PDB file of N, CA and C in Angstrom:
ATOM      1  N   UNK A   1      77.088  96.583  83.978  1.00  0.00           N
ATOM      2  CA  UNK A   1      78.244  97.171  84.945  1.00  0.00           C
ATOM      3  C   UNK A   1      78.277  97.030  86.241  1.00  0.00           C
ATOM      4  N   UNK A   2      78.044  96.317  86.970  1.00  0.00           N
ATOM      5  CA  UNK A   2      77.747  95.537  88.330  1.00  0.00           C
ATOM      6  C   UNK A   2      79.454  95.166  88.773  1.00  0.00           C
ATOM      7  N   UNK A   3      79.921  94.888  87.424  1.00  0.00           N
ATOM      8  CA  UNK A   3      81.164  94.481  88.514  1.00  0.00           C
ATOM      9  C   UNK A   3      81.975  95.085  89.108  1.00  0.00           C
ATOM     10  N   UNK A   4      82.891  94.704  90.209  1.00  0.00           N
ATOM     11  CA  UNK A   4      83.870  95.704  90.381  1.00  0.00           C
ATOM     12  C   UNK A   4      85.071  96.273  90.148  1.00  0.00           C
ATOM     13  N   UNK A   5      85.448  96.717  89.614  1.00  0.00           N
ATOM     14  CA  UNK A   5      86.966  97.491  89.313  1.00  0.00           C
ATOM     15  C   UNK A   5      87.972  96.667  89.577  1.00  0.00           C
ATOM     16  N   UNK A   6      89.032  95.883  88.788  1.00  0.00           N
ATOM     17  CA  UNK A   6      89.769  96.068  89.577  1.00  0.00           C
ATOM     18  C   UNK A   6      91.249  96.767  89.633  1.00  0.00           C
ATOM     19  N   UNK A   7      92.241  96.545  89.601  1.00  0.00           N
ATOM     20  CA  UNK A   7      93.549  97.770  89.768  1.00  0.00           C
ATOM     21  C   UNK A   7      93.626  97.618  88.643  1.00  0.00           C
ATOM     22  N   UNK A   8      94.200  99.191  88.531  1.00  0.00           N
ATOM     23  CA  UNK A   8      94.006  99.757  87.096  1.00  0.00           C
ATOM     24  C   UNK A   8      92.677  99.830  85.707  1.00  0.00           C
ATOM     25  N   UNK A   9      91.969  99.466  86.714  1.00  0.00           N
ATOM     26  CA  UNK A   9      90.176  99.329  86.423  1.00  0.00           C
ATOM     27  C   UNK A   9      90.381  97.414  84.904  1.00  0.00           C
ATOM     28  N   UNK A  10      90.947  97.505  85.449  1.00  0.00           N
ATOM     29  CA  UNK A  10      90.595  95.624  85.193  1.00  0.00           C
ATOM     30  C   UNK A  10      89.317  94.851  85.596  1.00  0.00           C
ATOM     31  N   UNK A  11      88.617  94.135  85.586  1.00  0.00           N
ATOM     32  CA  UNK A  11      87.949  93.344  86.699  1.00  0.00           C
ATOM     33  C   UNK A  11      89.051  92.217  86.928  1.00  0.00           C
ATOM     34  N   UNK A  12      88.477  92.015  88.271  1.00  0.00           N
ATOM     35  CA  UNK A  12      88.896  90.827  88.603  1.00  0.00           C
ATOM     36  C   UNK A  12      90.370  91.045  88.675  1.00  0.00           C
ATOM     37  N   UNK A  13      91.641  91.607  88.675  1.00  0.00           N
ATOM     38  CA  UNK A  13      93.043  91.487  88.385  1.00  0.00           C
ATOM     39  C   UNK A  13      93.208  92.557  90.060  1.00  0.00           C
ATOM     40  N   UNK A  14      93.491  91.482  91.626  1.00  0.00           N
ATOM     41  CA  UNK A  14      93.859  91.747  92.094  1.00  0.00           C
ATOM     42  C   UNK A  14      95.640  93.284  92.129  1.00  0.00           C
ATOM     43  N   UNK A  15      95.923  92.800  93.521  1.00  0.00           N
ATOM     44  CA  UNK A  15      97.534  93.274  93.157  1.00  0.00           C
ATOM     45  C   UNK A  15      98.361  92.624  92.917  1.00  0.00           C
ATOM     46  N   UNK A  16      97.790  91.292  93.532  1.00  0.00           N
ATOM     47  CA  UNK A  16      99.139  90.199  93.250  1.00  0.00           C
ATOM     48  C   UNK A  16      99.206  89.921  92.664  1.00  0.00           C
ATOM     49  N   UNK A  17      98.170  89.897  91.590  1.00  0.00           N
ATOM     50  CA  UNK A  17      98.454  89.090  90.337  1.00  0.00           C
ATOM     51  C   UNK A  17      98.763  90.232  89.446  1.00  0.00           C
ATOM     52  N   UNK A  18      98.196  91.348  89.791  1.00  0.00           N
ATOM     53  CA  UNK A  18      98.412  92.434  88.630  1.00  0.00           C
ATOM     54  C   UNK A  18     100.419  92.661  88.685  1.00  0.00           C
ATOM     55  N   UNK A  19     101.127  92.449  90.418  1.00  0.00           N
ATOM     56  CA  UNK A  19     102.660  92.368  90.284  1.00  0.00           C
ATOM     57  C   UNK A  19     103.107  90.891  89.677  1.00  0.00           C
ATOM     58  N   UNK A  20     102.435  90.050  89.494  1.00  0.00           N
ATOM     59  CA  UNK A  20     103.304  88.803  88.912  1.00  0.00           C
ATOM     60  C   UNK A  20     103.326  88.822  87.638  1.00  0.00           C
ATOM     61  N   UNK A  21     101.478  88.849  86.899  1.00  0.00           N
ATOM     62  CA  UNK A  21     101.313  89.393  84.976  1.00  0.00           C
ATOM     63  C   UNK A  21     102.603  89.992  84.733  1.00  0.00           C
ATOM     64  N   UNK A  22     102.900  91.661  85.600  1.00  0.00           N
ATOM     65  CA  UNK A  22     103.493  92.117  85.111  1.00  0.00           C
ATOM     66  C   UNK A  22     105.036  91.731  84.615  1.00  0.00           C
ATOM     67  N   UNK A  23     105.712  91.411  86.408  1.00  0.00           N
ATOM     68  CA  UNK A  23     106.949  91.032  85.921  1.00  0.00           C
ATOM     69  C   UNK A  23     107.518  90.331  85.411  1.00  0.00           C
ATOM     70  N   UNK A  24     105.845  88.808  84.830  1.00  0.00           N
ATOM     71  CA  UNK A  24     106.175  88.147  83.704  1.00  0.00           C
ATOM     72  C   UNK A  24     105.850  88.904  82.187  1.00  0.00           C
ATOM     73  N   UNK A  25     105.300  89.435  82.378  1.00  0.00           N
ATOM     74  CA  UNK A  25     105.012  90.698  80.973  1.00  0.00           C
ATOM     75  C   UNK A  25     106.455  91.502  80.719  1.00  0.00           C
ATOM     76  N   UNK A  26     106.958  92.050  81.921  1.00  0.00           N
ATOM     77  CA  UNK A  26     108.312  92.951  82.197  1.00  0.00           C
ATOM     78  C   UNK A  26     109.694  92.162  81.653  1.00  0.00           C
ATOM     79  N   UNK A  27     109.173  90.685  81.835  1.00  0.00           N
ATOM     80  CA  UNK A  27     110.975  89.996  81.827  1.00  0.00           C
ATOM     81  C   UNK A  27     110.295  89.415  80.123  1.00  0.00           C
ATOM     82  N   UNK A  28     109.482  89.240  79.610  1.00  0.00           N
ATOM     83  CA  UNK A  28     109.601  88.455  78.421  1.00  0.00           C
ATOM     84  C   UNK A  28     110.264  89.736  76.955  1.00  0.00           C
ATOM     85  N   UNK A  29     108.911  90.469  77.733  1.00  0.00           N
ATOM     86  CA  UNK A  29     109.653  91.962  76.622  1.00  0.00           C
ATOM     87  C   UNK A  29     111.643  92.292  77.317  1.00  0.00           C
ATOM     88  N   UNK A  30     111.987  92.787  78.130  1.00  0.00           N
ATOM     89  CA  UNK A  30     112.636  92.795  77.982  1.00  0.00           C
ATOM     90  C   UNK A  30     113.930  91.761  77.639  1.00  0.00           C
ATOM     91  N   UNK A  31     113.644  90.267  77.094  1.00  0.00           N
ATOM     92  CA  UNK A  31     114.391  89.852  76.619  1.00  0.00           C
ATOM     93  C   UNK A  31     114.259  89.255  74.980  1.00  0.00           C
ATOM     94  N   UNK A  32     112.566  89.566  74.633  1.00  0.00           N
ATOM     95  CA  UNK A  32     112.571  89.668  73.275  1.00  0.00           C
ATOM     96  C   UNK A  32     113.374  90.829  72.970  1.00  0.00           C
ATOM     97  N   UNK A  33     113.488  92.342  73.204  1.00  0.00           N
ATOM     98  CA  UNK A  33     114.373  93.595  72.781  1.00  0.00           C
ATOM     99  C   UNK A  33     115.337  93.202  72.658  1.00  0.00           C
ATOM    100  N   UNK A  34     116.455  92.407  73.990  1.00  0.00           N
ATOM    101  CA  UNK A  34     117.575  92.443  74.315  1.00  0.00           C
ATOM    102  C   UNK A  34     117.911  93.048  75.077  1.00  0.00           C
ATOM    103  N   UNK A  35     116.761  93.982  75.733  1.00  0.00           N
ATOM    104  CA  UNK A  35     117.795  94.610  77.275  1.00  0.00           C
ATOM    105  C   UNK A  35     117.454  93.645  78.995  1.00  0.00           C
ATOM    106  N   UNK A  36     118.858  94.242  79.638  1.00  0.00           N
ATOM    107  CA  UNK A  36     118.432  93.743  80.520  1.00  0.00           C
ATOM    108  C   UNK A  36     118.073  94.456  82.029  1.00  0.00           C
ATOM    109  N   UNK A  37     117.572  93.713  82.921  1.00  0.00           N
ATOM    110  CA  UNK A  37     116.574  95.112  83.977  1.00  0.00           C
ATOM    111  C   UNK A  37     117.153  93.919  84.813  1.00  0.00           C
ATOM    112  N   UNK A  38     116.791  95.169  86.261  1.00  0.00           N
ATOM    113  CA  UNK A  38     116.420  94.727  87.368  1.00  0.00           C
ATOM    114  C   UNK A  38     115.252  93.939  87.591  1.00  0.00           C
ATOM    115  N   UNK A  39     114.756  93.009  88.626  1.00  0.00           N
ATOM    116  CA  UNK A  39     113.423  92.871  88.662  1.00  0.00           C
ATOM    117  C   UNK A  39     112.044  92.870  88.806  1.00  0.00           C
ATOM    118  N   UNK A  40     112.480  94.874  89.381  1.00  0.00           N
ATOM    119  CA  UNK A  40     112.105  95.320  90.339  1.00  0.00           C
ATOM    120  C   UNK A  40     111.631  96.497  89.373  1.00  0.00           C
ATOM    121  N   UNK A  41     112.456  96.241  87.875  1.00  0.00           N
ATOM    122  CA  UNK A  41     112.442  97.734  86.897  1.00  0.00           C
ATOM    123  C   UNK A  41     111.044  96.385  85.783  1.00  0.00           C
ATOM    124  N   UNK A  42     111.451  94.975  85.750  1.00  0.00           N
ATOM    125  CA  UNK A  42     110.408  94.618  84.700  1.00  0.00           C
ATOM    126  C   UNK A  42     109.389  94.356  85.299  1.00  0.00           C
ATOM    127  N   UNK A  43     109.119  94.430  86.564  1.00  0.00           N
ATOM    128  CA  UNK A  43     107.701  94.667  87.585  1.00  0.00           C
ATOM    129  C   UNK A  43     107.041  96.140  86.774  1.00  0.00           C
ATOM    130  N   UNK A  44     107.817  96.994  87.311  1.00  0.00           N
ATOM    131  CA  UNK A  44     107.826  98.231  86.648  1.00  0.00           C
ATOM    132  C   UNK A  44     107.118  98.719  84.989  1.00  0.00           C
ATOM    133  N   UNK A  45     107.582  97.818  84.551  1.00  0.00           N
ATOM    134  CA  UNK A  45     107.619  98.040  83.244  1.00  0.00           C
ATOM    135  C   UNK A  45     105.996  97.135  83.183  1.00  0.00           C
ATOM    136  N   UNK A  46     106.258  95.793  83.066  1.00  0.00           N
ATOM    137  CA  UNK A  46     105.238  95.305  83.255  1.00  0.00           C
ATOM    138  C   UNK A  46     103.763  95.717  83.476  1.00  0.00           C
ATOM    139  N   UNK A  47     103.552  96.652  84.385  1.00  0.00           N
ATOM    140  CA  UNK A  47     102.508  96.958  85.292  1.00  0.00           C
ATOM    141  C   UNK A  47     102.243  98.303  84.384  1.00  0.00           C
ATOM    142  N   UNK A  48     103.693  99.019  84.182  1.00  0.00           N
ATOM    143  CA  UNK A  48     102.768 100.153  82.942  1.00  0.00           C
ATOM    144  C   UNK A  48     102.600  99.522  81.499  1.00  0.00           C
ATOM    145  N   UNK A  49     103.394  98.643  80.992  1.00  0.00           N
ATOM    146  CA  UNK A  49     103.375  97.724  79.984  1.00  0.00           C
ATOM    147  C   UNK A  49     101.500  97.611  80.002  1.00  0.00           C
ATOM    148  N   UNK A  50     101.664  96.693  81.091  1.00  0.00           N
ATOM    149  CA  UNK A  50      99.208  96.157  81.537  1.00  0.00           C
ATOM    150  C   UNK A  50      98.591  96.670  81.113  1.00  0.00           C
ATOM    151  N   UNK A  51      98.600  98.217  81.995  1.00  0.00           N
ATOM    152  CA  UNK A  51      97.988  99.604  81.508  1.00  0.00           C
ATOM    153  C   UNK A  51      98.010 100.214  80.462  1.00  0.00           C
ATOM    154  N   UNK A  52      99.039 100.105  79.693  1.00  0.00           N
ATOM    155  CA  UNK A  52      99.343 100.803  78.434  1.00  0.00           C
ATOM    156  C   UNK A  52      98.633  99.347  76.991  1.00  0.00           C
ATOM    157  N   UNK A  53      98.719  98.092  77.342  1.00  0.00           N
ATOM    158  CA  UNK A  53      97.863  96.916  76.810  1.00  0.00           C
ATOM    159  C   UNK A  53      96.698  97.136  77.064  1.00  0.00           C
ATOM    160  N   UNK A  54      96.364  97.270  77.782  1.00  0.00           N
ATOM    161  CA  UNK A  54      94.586  97.401  78.359  1.00  0.00           C
ATOM    162  C   UNK A  54      93.855  98.661  77.173  1.00  0.00           C
ATOM    163  N   UNK A  55      94.782  98.964  77.394  1.00  0.00           N
ATOM    164  CA  UNK A  55      94.214 100.818  76.642  1.00  0.00           C
ATOM    165  C   UNK A  55      94.401 100.553  75.183  1.00  0.00           C
ATOM    166  N   UNK A  56      95.255  99.858  74.797  1.00  0.00           N
ATOM    167  CA  UNK A  56      95.602  99.859  73.526  1.00  0.00           C
ATOM    168  C   UNK A  56      94.266  98.727  72.586  1.00  0.00           C
ATOM    169  N   UNK A  57      94.180  97.155  73.649  1.00  0.00           N
ATOM    170  CA  UNK A  57      93.387  96.835  73.604  1.00  0.00           C
ATOM    171  C   UNK A  57      91.818  97.115  73.211  1.00  0.00           C
ATOM    172  N   UNK A  58      91.315  98.271  73.816  1.00  0.00           N
ATOM    173  CA  UNK A  58      90.294  98.869  74.373  1.00  0.00           C
ATOM    174  C   UNK A  58      90.524 100.010  73.742  1.00  0.00           C
ATOM    175  N   UNK A  59      90.869 100.499  72.670  1.00  0.00           N
ATOM    176  CA  UNK A  59      90.776 101.146  71.271  1.00  0.00           C
ATOM    177  C   UNK A  59      91.046 101.106  70.508  1.00  0.00           C
ATOM    178  N   UNK A  60      90.868  98.956  70.315  1.00  0.00           N
ATOM    179  CA  UNK A  60      91.572  98.121  69.178  1.00  0.00           C
ATOM    180  C   UNK A  60      89.814  97.594  68.988  1.00  0.00           C
ATOM    181  N   UNK A  61      89.323  97.644  70.266  1.00  0.00           N
ATOM    182  CA  UNK A  61      88.011  97.083  70.271  1.00  0.00           C
ATOM    183  C   UNK A  61      88.032  96.067  70.821  1.00  0.00           C
ATOM    184  N   UNK A  62      89.250  94.750  71.887  1.00  0.00           N
ATOM    185  CA  UNK A  62      89.341  94.035  71.606  1.00  0.00           C
ATOM    186  C   UNK A  62      88.968  93.765  73.382  1.00  0.00           C
ATOM    187  N   UNK A  63      88.480  92.559  73.919  1.00  0.00           N
ATOM    188  CA  UNK A  63      88.153  92.818  75.986  1.00  0.00           C
ATOM    189  C   UNK A  63      89.454  91.942  75.800  1.00  0.00           C
ATOM    190  N   UNK A  64      89.543  92.196  77.379  1.00  0.00           N
ATOM    191  CA  UNK A  64      90.854  91.703  78.084  1.00  0.00           C
ATOM    192  C   UNK A  64      90.111  91.192  79.717  1.00  0.00           C
ATOM    193  N   UNK A  65      89.542  90.034  79.418  1.00  0.00           N
ATOM    194  CA  UNK A  65      89.065  89.371  80.223  1.00  0.00           C
ATOM    195  C   UNK A  65      89.803  87.992  80.857  1.00  0.00           C
ATOM    196  N   UNK A  66      90.554  87.809  81.667  1.00  0.00           N
ATOM    197  CA  UNK A  66      91.144  86.546  82.248  1.00  0.00           C
ATOM    198  C   UNK A  66      92.758  86.413  82.741  1.00  0.00           C
ATOM    199  N   UNK A  67      93.449  85.848  83.299  1.00  0.00           N
ATOM    200  CA  UNK A  67      94.208  86.248  83.310  1.00  0.00           C
ATOM    201  C   UNK A  67      95.291  85.655  81.856  1.00  0.00           C
ATOM    202  N   UNK A  68      95.171  85.231  80.926  1.00  0.00           N
ATOM    203  CA  UNK A  68      95.797  85.035  79.954  1.00  0.00           C
ATOM    204  C   UNK A  68      95.856  86.101  78.795  1.00  0.00           C
ATOM    205  N   UNK A  69      94.346  86.541  78.614  1.00  0.00           N
ATOM    206  CA  UNK A  69      94.069  88.017  77.520  1.00  0.00           C
ATOM    207  C   UNK A  69      95.365  88.616  78.356  1.00  0.00           C
ATOM    208  N   UNK A  70      94.531  89.004  80.129  1.00  0.00           N
ATOM    209  CA  UNK A  70      95.984  90.155  80.599  1.00  0.00           C
ATOM    210  C   UNK A  70      97.604  90.152  80.273  1.00  0.00           C
ATOM    211  N   UNK A  71      98.331  89.264  80.178  1.00  0.00           N
ATOM    212  CA  UNK A  71      99.671  88.747  80.418  1.00  0.00           C
ATOM    213  C   UNK A  71      99.412  89.288  78.445  1.00  0.00           C
ATOM    214  N   UNK A  72      99.063  88.868  77.604  1.00  0.00           N
ATOM    215  CA  UNK A  72      98.752  89.400  76.385  1.00  0.00           C
ATOM    216  C   UNK A  72      98.846  90.553  76.382  1.00  0.00           C
ATOM    217  N   UNK A  73      98.376  91.437  76.574  1.00  0.00           N
ATOM    218  CA  UNK A  73      97.964  92.529  76.354  1.00  0.00           C
ATOM    219  C   UNK A  73      99.175  93.222  77.489  1.00  0.00           C
ATOM    220  N   UNK A  74      99.723  92.831  78.758  1.00  0.00           N
ATOM    221  CA  UNK A  74     100.296  93.404  79.425  1.00  0.00           C
ATOM    222  C   UNK A  74     101.899  92.736  78.369  1.00  0.00           C
ATOM    223  N   UNK A  75     101.951  92.272  77.773  1.00  0.00           N
ATOM    224  CA  UNK A  75     103.483  91.823  77.479  1.00  0.00           C
ATOM    225  C   UNK A  75     103.486  92.927  75.756  1.00  0.00           C
ATOM    226  N   UNK A  76     102.664  93.279  74.816  1.00  0.00           N
ATOM    227  CA  UNK A  76     102.381  93.810  74.242  1.00  0.00           C
ATOM    228  C   UNK A  76     102.794  94.969  74.964  1.00  0.00           C
ATOM    229  N   UNK A  77     102.290  95.817  75.943  1.00  0.00           N
ATOM    230  CA  UNK A  77     101.778  97.442  76.458  1.00  0.00           C
ATOM    231  C   UNK A  77     103.415  97.412  76.867  1.00  0.00           C
ATOM    232  N   UNK A  78     104.216  95.861  77.275  1.00  0.00           N
ATOM    233  CA  UNK A  78     105.692  96.430  77.893  1.00  0.00           C
ATOM    234  C   UNK A  78     106.409  96.428  76.519  1.00  0.00           C
ATOM    235  N   UNK A  79     106.160  95.651  75.703  1.00  0.00           N
ATOM    236  CA  UNK A  79     107.083  95.788  74.459  1.00  0.00           C
ATOM    237  C   UNK A  79     106.842  97.804  74.025  1.00  0.00           C
ATOM    238  N   UNK A  80     106.013  97.992  73.892  1.00  0.00           N
ATOM    239  CA  UNK A  80     106.046  99.571  72.963  1.00  0.00           C
ATOM    240  C   UNK A  80     106.571  99.764  74.347  1.00  0.00           C
ATOM    241  N   UNK A  81     106.072 100.282  75.338  1.00  0.00           N
ATOM    242  CA  UNK A  81     106.871 101.219  76.421  1.00  0.00           C
ATOM    243  C   UNK A  81     108.500 101.055  76.907  1.00  0.00           C
ATOM    244  N   UNK A  82     108.899  99.526  76.222  1.00  0.00           N
ATOM    245  CA  UNK A  82     110.385  99.555  76.228  1.00  0.00           C
ATOM    246  C   UNK A  82     110.708  99.821  74.665  1.00  0.00           C
ATOM    247  N   UNK A  83     110.179 100.028  73.485  1.00  0.00           N
ATOM    248  CA  UNK A  83     110.415 100.339  72.189  1.00  0.00           C
ATOM    249  C   UNK A  83     110.631 101.814  72.643  1.00  0.00           C
ATOM    250  N   UNK A  84     109.985 102.461  73.197  1.00  0.00           N
ATOM    251  CA  UNK A  84     109.818 103.499  73.549  1.00  0.00           C
ATOM    252  C   UNK A  84     110.501 104.393  74.107  1.00  0.00           C
ATOM    253  N   UNK A  85     110.954 103.616  75.415  1.00  0.00           N
ATOM    254  CA  UNK A  85     111.738 104.501  76.071  1.00  0.00           C
ATOM    255  C   UNK A  85     113.294 104.637  75.508  1.00  0.00           C
ATOM    256  N   UNK A  86     113.771 103.381  75.094  1.00  0.00           N
ATOM    257  CA  UNK A  86     115.154 102.930  74.175  1.00  0.00           C
ATOM    258  C   UNK A  86     115.369 104.045  72.690  1.00  0.00           C
ATOM    259  N   UNK A  87     114.123 104.455  72.449  1.00  0.00           N
ATOM    260  CA  UNK A  87     114.278 105.168  71.601  1.00  0.00           C
ATOM    261  C   UNK A  87     114.713 106.458  71.765  1.00  0.00           C
ATOM    262  N   UNK A  88     113.163 106.870  73.407  1.00  0.00           N
ATOM    263  CA  UNK A  88     113.988 108.044  74.090  1.00  0.00           C
ATOM    264  C   UNK A  88     115.745 108.319  74.690  1.00  0.00           C
ATOM    265  N   UNK A  89     115.849 107.284  75.128  1.00  0.00           N
ATOM    266  CA  UNK A  89     116.792 107.095  75.910  1.00  0.00           C
ATOM    267  C   UNK A  89     118.043 105.884  75.060  1.00  0.00           C
ATOM    268  N   UNK A  90     118.622 106.229  74.115  1.00  0.00           N
ATOM    269  CA  UNK A  90     119.318 105.514  73.217  1.00  0.00           C
ATOM    270  C   UNK A  90     120.775 104.890  73.926  1.00  0.00           C
ATOM    271  N   UNK A  91     121.299 105.646  74.538  1.00  0.00           N
ATOM    272  CA  UNK A  91     122.435 105.593  75.381  1.00  0.00           C
ATOM    273  C   UNK A  91     122.363 104.266  77.102  1.00  0.00           C
ATOM    274  N   UNK A  92     121.375 104.505  76.926  1.00  0.00           N
ATOM    275  CA  UNK A  92     120.910 102.983  78.297  1.00  0.00           C
ATOM    276  C   UNK A  92     120.741 101.755  77.767  1.00  0.00           C
TER     277      UNK A  92
END
């Protein structure tokens, strides 16, 4: 555990990487669910989804190391976040 923690507790993920991965994950999740958002909203959804996906992966016993695995976790978390958001706010 001598490894420094990155943003949101993820090793080796810096702020710029989190923004890029989050934006991509938010955009793909929005496309999968047929929802259109502004770029900033996609980034926010992706960043929150990144945290949700990482926590979900840790809960299920999967390690999230590397950019590709982080992207997959962020995508899964973004889909969960968008799905819950649209359940709570169906009029949007």
